[in-house]
Amino acid sequence: MKRPASPAENGAGAAGCPPREFPLRITIPSFSSLRPVLLAGFLLALLFAGFPPRSGAEEILRIGVEDDYAPFSFPAEGTQAGFDPEIAEALCKAMRRSCTVEPLAFGTLLEKMRRGELDMIVAGLAKNEQRLAYMDFTNSYYHSRSIYLGLPGSVAVSAEGLKGKRVGVQDHTQQEIFLRSHWVNVAEIIRFPTYGQLIDAFCAGQLDAILVDGLSGYEFLQSERGQPFAILDDPLPPDEDLAYAHIGVRKNNSELIEAINEAIVHIKLNGEYDRIVRKYFPFSIY
């Protein structure tokens, strides 16, 4: 933010007139005394006005969200509800951009971004080398931990405990990458195209354990279907690969990334982010 110029000091009077002819002195407040008021006014204007209008016509932003991944994104009463669609809408409003939001299977989201058919993916993406080949990423917009779920006391999360067990995971996710890198020669890793199919197989007794994002896992455990199950071990460590969720952006568009990052800060400062979080989670996720 550029500092406003200091107010100019008034002159002493007309040339040739002695100061004693003008006993009344006018004191103009210094910039330092006005600065808190000016800054407060500026911040209030920024928070509630959003970004300045953009000149010229801009293309509609094509945003993808996951189709069925409660509480992040799920169909409800003929529309797409959830944390991610609402965050996408709030970001578009803050950027003053027109957007379309398309719910898709997770693998389809990645494929459409690879083909250049999406501008943004708002689906809690982990940043990894494979994805960096065809998309860029914003700053993190929430944090989470991954957890193993199963029947209480049924499986120990160790090389011995997982030996020969059927462990389920959603395909194309960072949890799948983790399982393949740690347990591929120990457990039988079963991949599912969608989160819903993973949960269905788990509830049908086809899996001994599953590895899922902790926020969606928490939602499942609170549901009627999740009552028989429990968290099997401590959450995975909060490392960069698994804990930080980003928005994917089409490759080589630094201007859009900068605008989204500014919009993330904007909706956190004006309270919109917290309002959306409270709607879907009973705790902070940032």
C-alpha atoms as a PDB file:
ATOM      1  CA  MET A   1       0.000   0.000   0.000  1.00  0.00           C
ATOM      2  CA  LYS A   2       1.355   3.411  -0.933  1.00  0.00           C
ATOM      3  CA  ARG A   3       1.517   5.939   1.880  1.00  0.00           C
ATOM      4  CA  PRO A   4      -0.653   9.048   1.305  1.00  0.00           C
ATOM      5  CA  ALA A   5       1.325  12.243   0.867  1.00  0.00           C
ATOM      6  CA  SER A   6       1.591  14.410   4.023  1.00  0.00           C
ATOM      7  CA  PRO A   7      -0.772  17.403   4.048  1.00  0.00           C
ATOM      8  CA  ALA A   8       0.925  20.613   2.911  1.00  0.00           C
ATOM      9  CA  GLU A   9       1.523  23.298   5.508  1.00  0.00           C
ATOM     10  CA  ASN A  10      -0.356  26.570   4.948  1.00  0.00           C
ATOM     11  CA  GLY A  11       1.704  29.724   4.240  1.00  0.00           C
ATOM     12  CA  ALA A  12       2.165  32.466   6.879  1.00  0.00           C
ATOM     13  CA  GLY A  13       0.050  34.990   4.977  1.00  0.00           C
ATOM     14  CA  ALA A  14       0.271  37.484   2.154  1.00  0.00           C
ATOM     15  CA  ALA A  15       3.659  39.007   1.343  1.00  0.00           C
ATOM     16  CA  GLY A  16       4.454  42.177   3.304  1.00  0.00           C
ATOM     17  CA  CYS A  17       1.947  41.563   6.110  1.00  0.00           C
ATOM     18  CA  PRO A  18       3.595  40.989   9.502  1.00  0.00           C
ATOM     19  CA  PRO A  19       2.562  37.927  11.441  1.00  0.00           C
ATOM     20  CA  ARG A  20       1.220  40.043  14.353  1.00  0.00           C
ATOM     21  CA  GLU A  21      -1.622  41.256  12.104  1.00  0.00           C
ATOM     22  CA  PHE A  22      -2.988  37.655  12.131  1.00  0.00           C
ATOM     23  CA  PRO A  23      -3.186  36.427  15.725  1.00  0.00           C
ATOM     24  CA  LEU A  24      -5.435  33.465  14.835  1.00  0.00           C
ATOM     25  CA  ARG A  25      -3.314  30.370  14.045  1.00  0.00           C
ATOM     26  CA  ILE A  26      -4.738  27.358  12.180  1.00  0.00           C
ATOM     27  CA  THR A  27      -3.120  24.026  13.064  1.00  0.00           C
ATOM     28  CA  ILE A  28      -3.402  21.249  10.470  1.00  0.00           C
ATOM     29  CA  PRO A  29      -3.170  17.751  11.998  1.00  0.00           C
ATOM     30  CA  SER A  30       0.022  15.926  11.112  1.00  0.00           C
ATOM     31  CA  PHE A  31      -0.045  12.746   9.086  1.00  0.00           C
ATOM     32  CA  SER A  32       1.123  10.747  12.105  1.00  0.00           C
ATOM     33  CA  SER A  33      -1.987  11.720  14.074  1.00  0.00           C
ATOM     34  CA  LEU A  34      -4.301  10.901  11.181  1.00  0.00           C
ATOM     35  CA  ARG A  35      -2.583   7.669  10.192  1.00  0.00           C
ATOM     36  CA  PRO A  36      -4.551   5.263  12.454  1.00  0.00           C
ATOM     37  CA  VAL A  37      -7.858   6.692  11.235  1.00  0.00           C
ATOM     38  CA  LEU A  38      -6.789   6.564   7.593  1.00  0.00           C
ATOM     39  CA  LEU A  39      -5.525   3.001   7.890  1.00  0.00           C
ATOM     40  CA  ALA A  40      -8.684   1.822   9.658  1.00  0.00           C
ATOM     41  CA  GLY A  41     -10.858   3.388   6.987  1.00  0.00           C
ATOM     42  CA  PHE A  42      -8.775   1.885   4.217  1.00  0.00           C
ATOM     43  CA  LEU A  43      -8.937  -1.623   5.716  1.00  0.00           C
ATOM     44  CA  LEU A  44     -12.698  -1.439   6.183  1.00  0.00           C
ATOM     45  CA  ALA A  45     -13.137  -0.318   2.584  1.00  0.00           C
ATOM     46  CA  LEU A  46     -10.869  -3.118   1.364  1.00  0.00           C
ATOM     47  CA  LEU A  47     -12.561  -5.866   3.368  1.00  0.00           C
ATOM     48  CA  PHE A  48     -16.100  -5.078   2.360  1.00  0.00           C
ATOM     49  CA  ALA A  49     -15.642  -3.725  -1.130  1.00  0.00           C
ATOM     50  CA  GLY A  50     -13.582  -6.586  -2.560  1.00  0.00           C
ATOM     51  CA  PHE A  51     -11.106  -6.043  -5.351  1.00  0.00           C
ATOM     52  CA  PRO A  52     -11.366  -3.033  -7.694  1.00  0.00           C
ATOM     53  CA  PRO A  53     -13.428  -3.673 -10.846  1.00  0.00           C
ATOM     54  CA  ARG A  54     -11.340  -5.076 -13.681  1.00  0.00           C
ATOM     55  CA  SER A  55     -11.315  -3.336 -16.995  1.00  0.00           C
ATOM     56  CA  GLY A  56     -12.255  -5.124 -20.179  1.00  0.00           C
ATOM     57  CA  ALA A  57     -14.057  -8.390 -20.720  1.00  0.00           C
ATOM     58  CA  GLU A  58     -12.569 -11.457 -19.025  1.00  0.00           C
ATOM     59  CA  GLU A  59     -13.261 -15.086 -19.688  1.00  0.00           C
ATOM     60  CA  ILE A  60     -15.461 -16.986 -17.270  1.00  0.00           C
ATOM     61  CA  LEU A  61     -13.335 -19.050 -14.895  1.00  0.00           C
ATOM     62  CA  ARG A  62     -13.955 -22.796 -15.200  1.00  0.00           C
ATOM     63  CA  ILE A  63     -13.748 -24.335 -11.733  1.00  0.00           C
ATOM     64  CA  GLY A  64     -13.864 -28.044 -10.935  1.00  0.00           C
ATOM     65  CA  VAL A  65     -14.871 -29.516  -7.570  1.00  0.00           C
ATOM     66  CA  GLU A  66     -15.217 -33.132  -6.532  1.00  0.00           C
ATOM     67  CA  ASP A  67     -18.664 -34.562  -7.159  1.00  0.00           C
ATOM     68  CA  ASP A  68     -19.310 -36.588  -3.980  1.00  0.00           C
ATOM     69  CA  TYR A  69     -16.907 -36.011  -1.117  1.00  0.00           C
ATOM     70  CA  ALA A  70     -18.785 -34.849   1.968  1.00  0.00           C
ATOM     71  CA  PRO A  71     -18.433 -32.444   3.655  1.00  0.00           C
ATOM     72  CA  PHE A  72     -16.221 -30.820   1.016  1.00  0.00           C
ATOM     73  CA  SER A  73     -18.516 -31.251  -1.965  1.00  0.00           C
ATOM     74  CA  PHE A  74     -21.727 -33.202  -2.411  1.00  0.00           C
ATOM     75  CA  PRO A  75     -25.072 -33.008  -4.269  1.00  0.00           C
ATOM     76  CA  ALA A  76     -27.947 -31.542  -2.265  1.00  0.00           C
ATOM     77  CA  GLU A  77     -31.397 -30.518  -3.453  1.00  0.00           C
ATOM     78  CA  GLY A  78     -30.444 -30.143  -7.081  1.00  0.00           C
ATOM     79  CA  THR A  79     -27.255 -28.169  -6.453  1.00  0.00           C
ATOM     80  CA  GLN A  80     -23.685 -28.798  -5.359  1.00  0.00           C
ATOM     81  CA  ALA A  81     -23.171 -28.048  -1.677  1.00  0.00           C
ATOM     82  CA  GLY A  82     -20.138 -28.257   0.569  1.00  0.00           C
ATOM     83  CA  PHE A  83     -17.066 -26.400   1.761  1.00  0.00           C
ATOM     84  CA  ASP A  84     -15.260 -26.314  -1.597  1.00  0.00           C
ATOM     85  CA  PRO A  85     -18.133 -25.010  -3.771  1.00  0.00           C
ATOM     86  CA  GLU A  86     -18.782 -22.261  -1.223  1.00  0.00           C
ATOM     87  CA  ILE A  87     -15.099 -21.355  -1.034  1.00  0.00           C
ATOM     88  CA  ALA A  88     -14.973 -21.239  -4.845  1.00  0.00           C
ATOM     89  CA  GLU A  89     -17.988 -18.917  -4.917  1.00  0.00           C
ATOM     90  CA  ALA A  90     -16.483 -16.667  -2.227  1.00  0.00           C
ATOM     91  CA  LEU A  91     -13.163 -16.435  -4.094  1.00  0.00           C
ATOM     92  CA  CYS A  92     -14.892 -15.539  -7.361  1.00  0.00           C
ATOM     93  CA  LYS A  93     -16.876 -12.832  -5.588  1.00  0.00           C
ATOM     94  CA  ALA A  94     -13.715 -11.430  -3.992  1.00  0.00           C
ATOM     95  CA  MET A  95     -11.939 -11.405  -7.388  1.00  0.00           C
ATOM     96  CA  ARG A  96     -15.029 -10.006  -9.105  1.00  0.00           C
ATOM     97  CA  ARG A  97     -14.871 -12.760 -11.673  1.00  0.00           C
ATOM     98  CA  SER A  98     -17.677 -14.774 -13.249  1.00  0.00           C
ATOM     99  CA  CYS A  99     -17.236 -18.500 -12.661  1.00  0.00           C
ATOM    100  CA  THR A 100     -18.821 -21.831 -13.467  1.00  0.00           C
ATOM    101  CA  VAL A 101     -18.447 -24.698 -10.994  1.00  0.00           C
ATOM    102  CA  GLU A 102     -18.498 -28.251 -12.339  1.00  0.00           C
ATOM    103  CA  PRO A 103     -18.658 -31.292 -10.018  1.00  0.00           C
ATOM    104  CA  LEU A 104     -16.566 -34.198 -11.338  1.00  0.00           C
ATOM    105  CA  ALA A 105     -14.964 -37.417 -10.137  1.00  0.00           C
ATOM    106  CA  PHE A 106     -11.522 -36.733  -8.689  1.00  0.00           C
ATOM    107  CA  GLY A 107      -9.624 -38.477 -11.475  1.00  0.00           C
ATOM    108  CA  THR A 108     -11.655 -36.592 -14.078  1.00  0.00           C
ATOM    109  CA  LEU A 109     -10.745 -33.282 -12.437  1.00  0.00           C
ATOM    110  CA  LEU A 110      -7.062 -34.042 -12.912  1.00  0.00           C
ATOM    111  CA  GLU A 111      -7.542 -35.202 -16.501  1.00  0.00           C
ATOM    112  CA  LYS A 112      -9.513 -32.102 -17.486  1.00  0.00           C
ATOM    113  CA  MET A 113      -6.841 -29.879 -15.974  1.00  0.00           C
ATOM    114  CA  ARG A 114      -4.183 -31.838 -17.864  1.00  0.00           C
ATOM    115  CA  ARG A 115      -6.080 -31.154 -21.115  1.00  0.00           C
ATOM    116  CA  GLY A 116      -6.474 -27.440 -20.307  1.00  0.00           C
ATOM    117  CA  GLU A 117     -10.247 -27.681 -19.845  1.00  0.00           C
ATOM    118  CA  LEU A 118     -10.290 -26.190 -16.323  1.00  0.00           C
ATOM    119  CA  ASP A 119      -8.873 -22.978 -14.899  1.00  0.00           C
ATOM    120  CA  MET A 120      -9.051 -24.006 -11.230  1.00  0.00           C
ATOM    121  CA  ILE A 121      -9.567 -27.127  -9.131  1.00  0.00           C
ATOM    122  CA  VAL A 122     -10.933 -26.415  -5.659  1.00  0.00           C
ATOM    123  CA  ALA A 123     -10.635 -29.873  -4.137  1.00  0.00           C
ATOM    124  CA  GLY A 124      -7.987 -29.795  -1.412  1.00  0.00           C
ATOM    125  CA  LEU A 125      -5.098 -30.763  -3.671  1.00  0.00           C
ATOM    126  CA  ALA A 126      -1.723 -31.810  -2.360  1.00  0.00           C
ATOM    127  CA  LYS A 127       1.182 -30.361  -4.314  1.00  0.00           C
ATOM    128  CA  ASN A 128       3.444 -33.029  -5.829  1.00  0.00           C
ATOM    129  CA  GLU A 129       5.847 -33.409  -8.737  1.00  0.00           C
ATOM    130  CA  GLN A 130       3.414 -35.329 -10.936  1.00  0.00           C
ATOM    131  CA  ARG A 131       0.772 -32.613 -10.727  1.00  0.00           C
ATOM    132  CA  LEU A 132       3.274 -29.785 -11.101  1.00  0.00           C
ATOM    133  CA  ALA A 133       3.922 -31.068 -14.615  1.00  0.00           C
ATOM    134  CA  TYR A 134       0.501 -29.830 -15.762  1.00  0.00           C
ATOM    135  CA  MET A 135      -0.783 -27.374 -13.126  1.00  0.00           C
ATOM    136  CA  ASP A 136       0.416 -24.788 -10.624  1.00  0.00           C
ATOM    137  CA  PHE A 137      -0.787 -24.227  -7.083  1.00  0.00           C
ATOM    138  CA  THR A 138      -1.950 -21.433  -4.822  1.00  0.00           C
ATOM    139  CA  ASN A 139      -1.033 -21.046  -1.193  1.00  0.00           C
ATOM    140  CA  SER A 140      -2.693 -23.498   1.183  1.00  0.00           C
ATOM    141  CA  TYR A 141      -6.346 -22.782   1.994  1.00  0.00           C
ATOM    142  CA  TYR A 142      -6.791 -25.399   4.736  1.00  0.00           C
ATOM    143  CA  HIS A 143      -4.818 -28.031   6.668  1.00  0.00           C
ATOM    144  CA  SER A 144      -5.686 -31.629   7.474  1.00  0.00           C
ATOM    145  CA  ARG A 145      -4.193 -34.941   8.624  1.00  0.00           C
ATOM    146  CA  SER A 146      -4.697 -38.408   7.114  1.00  0.00           C
ATOM    147  CA  ILE A 147      -6.055 -41.245   9.259  1.00  0.00           C
ATOM    148  CA  TYR A 148      -6.545 -45.005   9.128  1.00  0.00           C
ATOM    149  CA  LEU A 149     -10.073 -46.233   9.857  1.00  0.00           C
ATOM    150  CA  GLY A 150     -11.240 -49.741  10.732  1.00  0.00           C
ATOM    151  CA  LEU A 151     -13.120 -51.772  13.307  1.00  0.00           C
ATOM    152  CA  PRO A 152     -11.796 -51.023  16.807  1.00  0.00           C
ATOM    153  CA  GLY A 153      -8.754 -53.153  17.620  1.00  0.00           C
ATOM    154  CA  SER A 154      -8.943 -55.071  14.352  1.00  0.00           C
ATOM    155  CA  VAL A 155      -5.708 -53.920  12.681  1.00  0.00           C
ATOM    156  CA  ALA A 156      -2.391 -52.646  13.984  1.00  0.00           C
ATOM    157  CA  VAL A 157      -0.786 -50.076  11.709  1.00  0.00           C
ATOM    158  CA  SER A 158       2.607 -51.729  11.400  1.00  0.00           C
ATOM    159  CA  ALA A 159       4.443 -54.034   9.020  1.00  0.00           C
ATOM    160  CA  GLU A 160       3.295 -57.042  11.028  1.00  0.00           C
ATOM    161  CA  GLY A 161      -0.233 -55.804  11.634  1.00  0.00           C
ATOM    162  CA  LEU A 162      -0.927 -54.872   8.004  1.00  0.00           C
ATOM    163  CA  LYS A 163       0.595 -57.996   6.503  1.00  0.00           C
ATOM    164  CA  GLY A 164      -1.909 -59.510   4.082  1.00  0.00           C
ATOM    165  CA  LYS A 165      -4.643 -57.006   5.030  1.00  0.00           C
ATOM    166  CA  ARG A 166      -6.867 -55.361   2.453  1.00  0.00           C
ATOM    167  CA  VAL A 167      -6.371 -51.592   2.740  1.00  0.00           C
ATOM    168  CA  GLY A 168      -8.602 -49.327   0.673  1.00  0.00           C
ATOM    169  CA  VAL A 169      -7.842 -45.888  -0.669  1.00  0.00           C
ATOM    170  CA  GLN A 170      -9.242 -43.436  -3.224  1.00  0.00           C
ATOM    171  CA  ASP A 171      -7.374 -43.496  -6.526  1.00  0.00           C
ATOM    172  CA  HIS A 172      -5.177 -40.557  -7.626  1.00  0.00           C
ATOM    173  CA  THR A 173      -4.917 -39.173  -4.075  1.00  0.00           C
ATOM    174  CA  GLN A 174      -1.915 -38.386  -1.937  1.00  0.00           C
ATOM    175  CA  GLN A 175      -3.088 -41.127   0.441  1.00  0.00           C
ATOM    176  CA  GLU A 176      -2.708 -43.639  -2.379  1.00  0.00           C
ATOM    177  CA  ILE A 177       0.843 -42.425  -3.030  1.00  0.00           C
ATOM    178  CA  PHE A 178       1.626 -42.812   0.667  1.00  0.00           C
ATOM    179  CA  LEU A 179       0.295 -46.384   0.823  1.00  0.00           C
ATOM    180  CA  ARG A 180       2.217 -47.424  -2.278  1.00  0.00           C
ATOM    181  CA  SER A 181       5.444 -45.959  -0.928  1.00  0.00           C
ATOM    182  CA  HIS A 182       5.111 -47.544   2.543  1.00  0.00           C
ATOM    183  CA  TRP A 183       3.037 -50.740   2.380  1.00  0.00           C
ATOM    184  CA  VAL A 184       2.991 -51.981  -1.223  1.00  0.00           C
ATOM    185  CA  ASN A 185       4.906 -55.175  -0.318  1.00  0.00           C
ATOM    186  CA  VAL A 186       3.025 -55.682   2.944  1.00  0.00           C
ATOM    187  CA  ALA A 187      -0.696 -55.059   2.471  1.00  0.00           C
ATOM    188  CA  GLU A 188      -3.042 -55.557  -0.463  1.00  0.00           C
ATOM    189  CA  ILE A 189      -3.836 -52.018  -1.576  1.00  0.00           C
ATOM    190  CA  ILE A 190      -7.295 -51.712  -3.135  1.00  0.00           C
ATOM    191  CA  ARG A 191      -7.944 -48.508  -5.081  1.00  0.00           C
ATOM    192  CA  PHE A 192     -11.375 -46.999  -5.794  1.00  0.00           C
ATOM    193  CA  PRO A 193     -12.247 -44.327  -8.391  1.00  0.00           C
ATOM    194  CA  THR A 194     -14.425 -42.330  -5.979  1.00  0.00           C
ATOM    195  CA  TYR A 195     -14.618 -41.708  -2.265  1.00  0.00           C
ATOM    196  CA  GLY A 196     -18.209 -42.962  -2.218  1.00  0.00           C
ATOM    197  CA  GLN A 197     -17.215 -46.326  -3.698  1.00  0.00           C
ATOM    198  CA  LEU A 198     -14.409 -46.616  -1.133  1.00  0.00           C
ATOM    199  CA  ILE A 199     -16.819 -46.021   1.758  1.00  0.00           C
ATOM    200  CA  ASP A 200     -19.408 -48.426   0.307  1.00  0.00           C
ATOM    201  CA  ALA A 201     -16.840 -51.245   0.089  1.00  0.00           C
ATOM    202  CA  PHE A 202     -15.584 -50.471   3.590  1.00  0.00           C
ATOM    203  CA  CYS A 203     -19.082 -50.585   5.086  1.00  0.00           C
ATOM    204  CA  ALA A 204     -19.795 -53.843   3.195  1.00  0.00           C
ATOM    205  CA  GLY A 205     -16.880 -55.526   4.987  1.00  0.00           C
ATOM    206  CA  GLN A 206     -14.718 -55.843   1.876  1.00  0.00           C
ATOM    207  CA  LEU A 207     -11.778 -53.978   3.439  1.00  0.00           C
ATOM    208  CA  ASP A 208      -9.843 -54.332   6.679  1.00  0.00           C
ATOM    209  CA  ALA A 209      -8.871 -50.669   6.828  1.00  0.00           C
ATOM    210  CA  ILE A 210      -8.917 -47.483   4.780  1.00  0.00           C
ATOM    211  CA  LEU A 211      -6.637 -44.438   4.638  1.00  0.00           C
ATOM    212  CA  VAL A 212      -8.541 -41.176   4.179  1.00  0.00           C
ATOM    213  CA  ASP A 213      -8.275 -37.456   4.769  1.00  0.00           C
ATOM    214  CA  GLY A 214      -8.985 -36.759   8.427  1.00  0.00           C
ATOM    215  CA  LEU A 215     -11.706 -34.156   7.797  1.00  0.00           C
ATOM    216  CA  SER A 216     -13.794 -36.365   5.534  1.00  0.00           C
ATOM    217  CA  GLY A 217     -13.012 -39.310   7.832  1.00  0.00           C
ATOM    218  CA  TYR A 218     -14.319 -37.367  10.816  1.00  0.00           C
ATOM    219  CA  GLU A 219     -17.537 -36.625   8.905  1.00  0.00           C
ATOM    220  CA  PHE A 220     -17.932 -40.338   8.115  1.00  0.00           C
ATOM    221  CA  LEU A 221     -17.372 -41.410  11.745  1.00  0.00           C
ATOM    222  CA  GLN A 222     -20.133 -39.033  12.868  1.00  0.00           C
ATOM    223  CA  SER A 223     -22.601 -40.550  10.398  1.00  0.00           C
ATOM    224  CA  GLU A 224     -24.838 -43.546  11.070  1.00  0.00           C
ATOM    225  CA  ARG A 225     -22.787 -45.736   8.728  1.00  0.00           C
ATOM    226  CA  GLY A 226     -19.592 -44.810  10.513  1.00  0.00           C
ATOM    227  CA  GLN A 227     -20.688 -45.775  14.030  1.00  0.00           C
ATOM    228  CA  PRO A 228     -19.056 -49.258  14.078  1.00  0.00           C
ATOM    229  CA  PHE A 229     -15.654 -47.877  13.039  1.00  0.00           C
ATOM    230  CA  ALA A 230     -12.821 -46.011  14.748  1.00  0.00           C
ATOM    231  CA  ILE A 231      -9.465 -44.360  14.099  1.00  0.00           C
ATOM    232  CA  LEU A 232      -6.859 -47.133  14.201  1.00  0.00           C
ATOM    233  CA  ASP A 233      -3.708 -45.168  14.952  1.00  0.00           C
ATOM    234  CA  ASP A 234      -2.308 -41.660  15.338  1.00  0.00           C
ATOM    235  CA  PRO A 235      -2.885 -39.379  12.342  1.00  0.00           C
ATOM    236  CA  LEU A 236      -0.072 -39.296   9.825  1.00  0.00           C
ATOM    237  CA  PRO A 237       2.529 -36.568  10.427  1.00  0.00           C
ATOM    238  CA  PRO A 238       1.567 -33.057   9.235  1.00  0.00           C
ATOM    239  CA  ASP A 239       4.085 -32.913   6.395  1.00  0.00           C
ATOM    240  CA  GLU A 240       3.881 -30.756   3.265  1.00  0.00           C
ATOM    241  CA  ASP A 241       2.679 -33.598   1.034  1.00  0.00           C
ATOM    242  CA  LEU A 242      -0.283 -34.744   3.121  1.00  0.00           C
ATOM    243  CA  ALA A 243      -1.317 -31.888   5.392  1.00  0.00           C
ATOM    244  CA  TYR A 244      -1.581 -28.790   3.190  1.00  0.00           C
ATOM    245  CA  ALA A 245      -4.469 -28.360   0.771  1.00  0.00           C
ATOM    246  CA  HIS A 246      -4.028 -26.117  -2.268  1.00  0.00           C
ATOM    247  CA  ILE A 247      -6.099 -24.908  -5.202  1.00  0.00           C
ATOM    248  CA  GLY A 248      -4.867 -26.144  -8.561  1.00  0.00           C
ATOM    249  CA  VAL A 249      -4.506 -23.516 -11.307  1.00  0.00           C
ATOM    250  CA  ARG A 250      -3.946 -23.968 -15.020  1.00  0.00           C
ATOM    251  CA  LYS A 251      -0.274 -23.909 -15.919  1.00  0.00           C
ATOM    252  CA  ASN A 252       1.659 -20.670 -16.436  1.00  0.00           C
ATOM    253  CA  ASN A 253      -0.949 -18.216 -15.166  1.00  0.00           C
ATOM    254  CA  SER A 254       0.844 -16.280 -12.439  1.00  0.00           C
ATOM    255  CA  GLU A 255      -1.686 -13.444 -12.566  1.00  0.00           C
ATOM    256  CA  LEU A 256      -4.555 -15.781 -11.688  1.00  0.00           C
ATOM    257  CA  ILE A 257      -2.536 -17.433  -8.898  1.00  0.00           C
ATOM    258  CA  GLU A 258      -1.761 -14.029  -7.410  1.00  0.00           C
ATOM    259  CA  ALA A 259      -5.419 -13.010  -7.609  1.00  0.00           C
ATOM    260  CA  ILE A 260      -6.568 -16.220  -5.895  1.00  0.00           C
ATOM    261  CA  ASN A 261      -3.960 -15.878  -3.140  1.00  0.00           C
ATOM    262  CA  GLU A 262      -5.107 -12.312  -2.506  1.00  0.00           C
ATOM    263  CA  ALA A 263      -8.723 -13.487  -2.484  1.00  0.00           C
ATOM    264  CA  ILE A 264      -7.922 -16.208   0.082  1.00  0.00           C
ATOM    265  CA  VAL A 265      -6.471 -13.555   2.385  1.00  0.00           C
ATOM    266  CA  HIS A 266      -9.458 -11.296   1.684  1.00  0.00           C
ATOM    267  CA  ILE A 267     -12.128 -13.829   2.695  1.00  0.00           C
ATOM    268  CA  LYS A 268     -10.178 -14.719   5.832  1.00  0.00           C
ATOM    269  CA  LEU A 269      -9.939 -11.090   6.887  1.00  0.00           C
ATOM    270  CA  ASN A 270     -13.593 -10.248   6.233  1.00  0.00           C
ATOM    271  CA  GLY A 271     -14.936 -13.320   8.071  1.00  0.00           C
ATOM    272  CA  GLU A 272     -16.395 -15.155   5.066  1.00  0.00           C
ATOM    273  CA  TYR A 273     -13.892 -18.020   5.342  1.00  0.00           C
ATOM    274  CA  ASP A 274     -14.716 -18.618   9.024  1.00  0.00           C
ATOM    275  CA  ARG A 275     -18.448 -18.486   8.271  1.00  0.00           C
ATOM    276  CA  ILE A 276     -18.073 -21.259   5.693  1.00  0.00           C
ATOM    277  CA  VAL A 277     -15.815 -23.329   7.967  1.00  0.00           C
ATOM    278  CA  ARG A 278     -18.334 -23.166  10.845  1.00  0.00           C
ATOM    279  CA  LYS A 279     -21.055 -24.387   8.525  1.00  0.00           C
ATOM    280  CA  TYR A 280     -19.244 -27.682   7.839  1.00  0.00           C
ATOM    281  CA  PHE A 281     -16.727 -28.229  10.670  1.00  0.00           C
ATOM    282  CA  PRO A 282     -16.925 -27.816  14.462  1.00  0.00           C
ATOM    283  CA  PHE A 283     -13.272 -26.743  14.629  1.00  0.00           C
ATOM    284  CA  SER A 284     -10.700 -24.634  12.798  1.00  0.00           C
ATOM    285  CA  ILE A 285      -9.147 -26.209   9.711  1.00  0.00           C
ATOM    286  CA  TYR A 286      -6.510 -23.576   8.996  1.00  0.00           C
END
